[in-house]
Amino acid sequence: MTRPFASSVGLIFLLIGYTAAGPDSDLRPRAVRSTVCQEHVNLHTRLDGVEKKVEDTVENLETELAALLDAIEDPKWRPLLDNTGQKTVGYPQGPRAEGPVLN
């Protein structure tokens, strides 16, 4: 006759051993695992390329924007931007509005 305490302790030790052994190893063949790893590496390589292109595009856009802002702030364009004391062009509201109306 087995004692319940001894069988419980044995079961606990069995569970501890199973847990300590870690997760089951990958049961796929080595060739399949290496193909998956290579696909993962290829994906990261492609993502790195896309990231580089995006960074270059953002840098180019920042440069272009800075050049446009400098051109707009140039003194020769200042009179066009300064509209104090000039008439403004307003657009009437409604479905039959035909062109701008000077205020």
C-alpha atoms as a PDB file:
ATOM      1  CA  MET A   1       0.000   0.000   0.000  1.00  0.00           C
ATOM      2  CA  THR A   2       1.408   3.391  -1.010  1.00  0.00           C
ATOM      3  CA  ARG A   3       1.203   6.301   1.198  1.00  0.00           C
ATOM      4  CA  PRO A   4      -0.641   9.310  -0.314  1.00  0.00           C
ATOM      5  CA  PHE A   5       2.010  11.702   0.989  1.00  0.00           C
ATOM      6  CA  ALA A   6       4.840   9.869  -0.755  1.00  0.00           C
ATOM      7  CA  SER A   7       3.013   9.754  -4.077  1.00  0.00           C
ATOM      8  CA  SER A   8       2.174  13.463  -3.800  1.00  0.00           C
ATOM      9  CA  VAL A   9       5.815  14.313  -3.162  1.00  0.00           C
ATOM     10  CA  GLY A  10       6.841  12.169  -6.127  1.00  0.00           C
ATOM     11  CA  LEU A  11       4.333  13.936  -8.354  1.00  0.00           C
ATOM     12  CA  ILE A  12       5.602  17.320  -7.196  1.00  0.00           C
ATOM     13  CA  PHE A  13       9.204  16.318  -7.959  1.00  0.00           C
ATOM     14  CA  LEU A  14       8.120  15.090 -11.384  1.00  0.00           C
ATOM     15  CA  LEU A  15       6.406  18.408 -12.145  1.00  0.00           C
ATOM     16  CA  ILE A  16       9.418  20.380 -10.889  1.00  0.00           C
ATOM     17  CA  GLY A  17      11.715  18.348 -13.130  1.00  0.00           C
ATOM     18  CA  TYR A  18       9.448  18.866 -16.128  1.00  0.00           C
ATOM     19  CA  THR A  19       9.292  22.601 -15.478  1.00  0.00           C
ATOM     20  CA  ALA A  20      13.047  22.894 -14.946  1.00  0.00           C
ATOM     21  CA  ALA A  21      13.693  21.138 -18.247  1.00  0.00           C
ATOM     22  CA  GLY A  22      12.172  24.147 -20.024  1.00  0.00           C
ATOM     23  CA  PRO A  23       9.897  24.308 -23.013  1.00  0.00           C
ATOM     24  CA  ASP A  24       9.900  21.564 -25.591  1.00  0.00           C
ATOM     25  CA  SER A  25      12.505  21.979 -28.266  1.00  0.00           C
ATOM     26  CA  ASP A  26      11.373  22.966 -31.719  1.00  0.00           C
ATOM     27  CA  LEU A  27      10.212  19.772 -33.374  1.00  0.00           C
ATOM     28  CA  ARG A  28      10.694  21.073 -36.919  1.00  0.00           C
ATOM     29  CA  PRO A  29      13.633  19.742 -38.932  1.00  0.00           C
ATOM     30  CA  ARG A  30      16.851  21.753 -38.921  1.00  0.00           C
ATOM     31  CA  ALA A  31      16.488  22.753 -42.611  1.00  0.00           C
ATOM     32  CA  VAL A  32      13.044  24.238 -41.939  1.00  0.00           C
ATOM     33  CA  ARG A  33      14.284  26.100 -38.858  1.00  0.00           C
ATOM     34  CA  SER A  34      17.243  27.591 -40.742  1.00  0.00           C
ATOM     35  CA  THR A  35      14.944  28.648 -43.608  1.00  0.00           C
ATOM     36  CA  VAL A  36      12.666  30.415 -41.148  1.00  0.00           C
ATOM     37  CA  CYS A  37      15.657  32.107 -39.520  1.00  0.00           C
ATOM     38  CA  GLN A  38      16.978  33.212 -42.899  1.00  0.00           C
ATOM     39  CA  GLU A  39      13.574  34.629 -43.830  1.00  0.00           C
ATOM     40  CA  HIS A  40      13.565  36.508 -40.524  1.00  0.00           C
ATOM     41  CA  VAL A  41      17.023  37.939 -41.238  1.00  0.00           C
ATOM     42  CA  ASN A  42      15.988  38.864 -44.788  1.00  0.00           C
ATOM     43  CA  LEU A  43      12.901  40.631 -43.466  1.00  0.00           C
ATOM     44  CA  HIS A  44      14.982  42.679 -41.035  1.00  0.00           C
ATOM     45  CA  THR A  45      17.433  43.536 -43.814  1.00  0.00           C
ATOM     46  CA  ARG A  46      14.589  44.770 -46.006  1.00  0.00           C
ATOM     47  CA  LEU A  47      13.109  46.756 -43.115  1.00  0.00           C
ATOM     48  CA  ASP A  48      16.507  48.357 -42.492  1.00  0.00           C
ATOM     49  CA  GLY A  49      16.608  49.402 -46.157  1.00  0.00           C
ATOM     50  CA  VAL A  50      13.122  50.892 -45.972  1.00  0.00           C
ATOM     51  CA  GLU A  51      14.004  52.717 -42.757  1.00  0.00           C
ATOM     52  CA  LYS A  52      17.114  54.215 -44.410  1.00  0.00           C
ATOM     53  CA  LYS A  53      15.067  55.390 -47.415  1.00  0.00           C
ATOM     54  CA  VAL A  54      12.461  56.981 -45.145  1.00  0.00           C
ATOM     55  CA  GLU A  55      15.143  58.761 -43.114  1.00  0.00           C
ATOM     56  CA  ASP A  56      16.780  60.068 -46.321  1.00  0.00           C
ATOM     57  CA  THR A  57      13.417  61.249 -47.653  1.00  0.00           C
ATOM     58  CA  VAL A  58      12.613  63.057 -44.404  1.00  0.00           C
ATOM     59  CA  GLU A  59      16.026  64.758 -44.450  1.00  0.00           C
ATOM     60  CA  ASN A  60      15.470  65.870 -48.064  1.00  0.00           C
ATOM     61  CA  LEU A  61      12.004  67.194 -47.227  1.00  0.00           C
ATOM     62  CA  GLU A  62      13.368  69.104 -44.228  1.00  0.00           C
ATOM     63  CA  THR A  63      16.024  70.682 -46.461  1.00  0.00           C
ATOM     64  CA  GLU A  64      13.464  71.637 -49.099  1.00  0.00           C
ATOM     65  CA  LEU A  65      11.101  73.061 -46.477  1.00  0.00           C
ATOM     66  CA  ALA A  66      13.886  75.142 -44.950  1.00  0.00           C
ATOM     67  CA  ALA A  67      14.780  76.487 -48.403  1.00  0.00           C
ATOM     68  CA  LEU A  68      11.139  77.352 -49.126  1.00  0.00           C
ATOM     69  CA  LEU A  69      10.720  79.100 -45.785  1.00  0.00           C
ATOM     70  CA  ASP A  70      13.901  81.098 -46.401  1.00  0.00           C
ATOM     71  CA  ALA A  71      12.616  82.079 -49.847  1.00  0.00           C
ATOM     72  CA  ILE A  72       9.255  83.180 -48.462  1.00  0.00           C
ATOM     73  CA  GLU A  73      10.890  85.283 -45.745  1.00  0.00           C
ATOM     74  CA  ASP A  74      13.129  86.999 -48.307  1.00  0.00           C
ATOM     75  CA  PRO A  75      12.591  90.787 -48.308  1.00  0.00           C
ATOM     76  CA  LYS A  76      11.534  90.853 -51.964  1.00  0.00           C
ATOM     77  CA  TRP A  77       8.475  88.728 -51.084  1.00  0.00           C
ATOM     78  CA  ARG A  78       7.615  90.674 -47.916  1.00  0.00           C
ATOM     79  CA  PRO A  79       5.238  93.149 -49.661  1.00  0.00           C
ATOM     80  CA  LEU A  80       3.152  90.271 -50.979  1.00  0.00           C
ATOM     81  CA  LEU A  81       2.792  88.773 -47.510  1.00  0.00           C
ATOM     82  CA  ASP A  82       2.080  92.040 -45.710  1.00  0.00           C
ATOM     83  CA  ASN A  83      -1.606  92.812 -46.242  1.00  0.00           C
ATOM     84  CA  THR A  84      -2.156  95.499 -43.616  1.00  0.00           C
ATOM     85  CA  GLY A  85      -4.232  98.368 -44.993  1.00  0.00           C
ATOM     86  CA  GLN A  86      -5.150  96.484 -48.149  1.00  0.00           C
ATOM     87  CA  LYS A  87      -8.492  95.184 -49.238  1.00  0.00           C
ATOM     88  CA  THR A  88      -9.046  91.532 -48.549  1.00  0.00           C
ATOM     89  CA  VAL A  89     -10.675  89.152 -50.945  1.00  0.00           C
ATOM     90  CA  GLY A  90     -13.730  87.463 -49.467  1.00  0.00           C
ATOM     91  CA  TYR A  91     -15.750  84.603 -50.772  1.00  0.00           C
ATOM     92  CA  PRO A  92     -19.508  84.840 -50.263  1.00  0.00           C
ATOM     93  CA  GLN A  93     -21.220  81.877 -48.760  1.00  0.00           C
ATOM     94  CA  GLY A  94     -23.973  80.060 -50.536  1.00  0.00           C
ATOM     95  CA  PRO A  95     -24.510  77.602 -53.322  1.00  0.00           C
ATOM     96  CA  ARG A  96     -24.598  80.191 -56.156  1.00  0.00           C
ATOM     97  CA  ALA A  97     -21.468  82.146 -55.329  1.00  0.00           C
ATOM     98  CA  GLU A  98     -19.735  83.287 -58.504  1.00  0.00           C
ATOM     99  CA  GLY A  99     -16.140  84.364 -57.953  1.00  0.00           C
ATOM    100  CA  PRO A 100     -14.531  86.592 -55.346  1.00  0.00           C
ATOM    101  CA  VAL A 101     -16.081  89.738 -53.969  1.00  0.00           C
ATOM    102  CA  LEU A 102     -13.920  92.640 -52.789  1.00  0.00           C
ATOM    103  CA  ASN A 103     -14.761  93.929 -49.317  1.00  0.00           C
END
